[in-house]
C-alpha atoms as a PDB file:
ATOM      1  CA  ILE A   1     -57.783 -15.950 -45.900  1.00  0.00           C
ATOM      2  CA  ILE A   2     -54.914 -14.096 -47.429  1.00  0.00           C
ATOM      3  CA  ALA A   3     -53.508 -10.596 -45.506  1.00  0.00           C
ATOM      4  CA  GLY A   4     -51.801  -7.988 -47.146  1.00  0.00           C
ATOM      5  CA  GLN A   5     -48.384  -7.536 -48.638  1.00  0.00           C
ATOM      6  CA  VAL A   6     -48.304 -11.547 -49.016  1.00  0.00           C
ATOM      7  CA  GLY A   7     -45.966 -12.923 -51.585  1.00  0.00           C
ATOM      8  CA  ILE A   8     -46.535 -16.248 -53.212  1.00  0.00           C
ATOM      9  CA  ALA A   9     -44.132 -17.866 -55.230  1.00  0.00           C
ATOM     10  CA  GLY A  10     -45.434 -19.353 -58.622  1.00  0.00           C
ATOM     11  CA  HIS A  11     -47.981 -21.803 -59.257  1.00  0.00           C
ATOM     12  CA  LEU A  12     -48.699 -23.396 -54.898  1.00  0.00           C
ATOM     13  CA  THR A  13     -51.053 -24.988 -53.596  1.00  0.00           C
ATOM     14  CA  ILE A  14     -52.557 -23.855 -50.690  1.00  0.00           C
ATOM     15  CA  ALA A  15     -55.203 -25.890 -48.785  1.00  0.00           C
ATOM     16  CA  ASP A  16     -58.660 -24.632 -47.400  1.00  0.00           C
ATOM     17  CA  ASN A  17     -59.146 -22.204 -44.429  1.00  0.00           C
ATOM     18  CA  THR A  18     -55.871 -21.622 -44.033  1.00  0.00           C
ATOM     19  CA  THR A  19     -54.950 -18.151 -43.114  1.00  0.00           C
ATOM     20  CA  ILE A  20     -51.596 -16.421 -43.655  1.00  0.00           C
ATOM     21  CA  GLY A  21     -50.473 -12.638 -41.904  1.00  0.00           C
ATOM     22  CA  ALA A  22     -50.025  -9.807 -43.148  1.00  0.00           C
ATOM     23  CA  GLN A  23     -45.765  -9.659 -45.628  1.00  0.00           C
ATOM     24  CA  ALA A  24     -45.781 -13.063 -45.377  1.00  0.00           C
ATOM     25  CA  GLY A  25     -43.548 -14.573 -48.166  1.00  0.00           C
ATOM     26  CA  VAL A  26     -45.191 -18.314 -49.152  1.00  0.00           C
ATOM     27  CA  ILE A  27     -42.440 -20.181 -50.933  1.00  0.00           C
ATOM     28  CA  GLY A  28     -43.805 -23.938 -50.947  1.00  0.00           C
ATOM     29  CA  ASN A  29     -46.818 -26.079 -50.880  1.00  0.00           C
ATOM     30  CA  VAL A  30     -49.301 -25.196 -47.761  1.00  0.00           C
ATOM     31  CA  ARG A  31     -51.283 -29.532 -47.576  1.00  0.00           C
ATOM     32  CA  LYS A  32     -52.175 -28.790 -43.846  1.00  0.00           C
ATOM     33  CA  SER A  33     -56.073 -27.334 -43.616  1.00  0.00           C
ATOM     34  CA  GLY A  34     -56.768 -24.786 -41.655  1.00  0.00           C
ATOM     35  CA  GLU A  35     -53.111 -23.594 -40.837  1.00  0.00           C
ATOM     36  CA  LYS A  36     -51.928 -20.405 -39.334  1.00  0.00           C
ATOM     37  CA  LEU A  37     -48.786 -18.931 -41.278  1.00  0.00           C
ATOM     38  CA  LEU A  38     -46.549 -15.995 -40.576  1.00  0.00           C
ATOM     39  CA  GLY A  39     -43.245 -14.533 -41.611  1.00  0.00           C
ATOM     40  CA  MET A  40     -41.017 -15.039 -44.475  1.00  0.00           C
ATOM     41  CA  PRO A  41     -40.376 -18.200 -44.607  1.00  0.00           C
ATOM     42  CA  ALA A  42     -43.902 -17.747 -43.809  1.00  0.00           C
ATOM     43  CA  ILE A  43     -44.232 -20.909 -41.001  1.00  0.00           C
ATOM     44  CA  ASP A  44     -46.767 -22.217 -38.462  1.00  0.00           C
ATOM     45  CA  ILE A  45     -47.623 -18.978 -36.140  1.00  0.00           C
ATOM     46  CA  ASN A  46     -46.202 -21.347 -33.075  1.00  0.00           C
ATOM     47  CA  ASN A  47     -42.880 -21.458 -34.364  1.00  0.00           C
ATOM     48  CA  TYR A  48     -43.501 -17.902 -35.456  1.00  0.00           C
ATOM     49  CA  MET A  49     -44.093 -16.632 -31.865  1.00  0.00           C
ATOM     50  CA  ARG A  50     -41.755 -19.021 -30.172  1.00  0.00           C
ATOM     51  CA  SER A  51     -38.465 -17.644 -32.608  1.00  0.00           C
ATOM     52  CA  TYR A  52     -39.580 -14.202 -32.111  1.00  0.00           C
ATOM     53  CA  ALA A  53     -39.314 -14.492 -28.176  1.00  0.00           C
ATOM     54  CA  VAL A  54     -36.115 -15.978 -28.850  1.00  0.00           C
ATOM     55  CA  PHE A  55     -34.733 -12.860 -30.344  1.00  0.00           C
ATOM     56  CA  ARG A  56     -36.191 -11.018 -28.063  1.00  0.00           C
ATOM     57  CA  ARG A  57     -35.081 -12.138 -25.349  1.00  0.00           C
ATOM     58  CA  ASN A  58     -30.881 -12.121 -26.600  1.00  0.00           C
ATOM     59  CA  GLY A  59     -31.745  -9.179 -28.329  1.00  0.00           C
ATOM     60  CA  LYS A  60     -31.361  -7.267 -25.137  1.00  0.00           C
END
């Protein structure tokens, strides 16, 4: 699944059952099937959510 406004650089390979969230930027091959990616550059959803929580906490 590729959501809206996703940017994909060049001729990349994206594994089966991959989900790429809205406005993500994929800059490298996605080799692992079933992966869920968010952000720019696109990273695993678990790492993205962890980073988001840290930035929200430190931003106040």
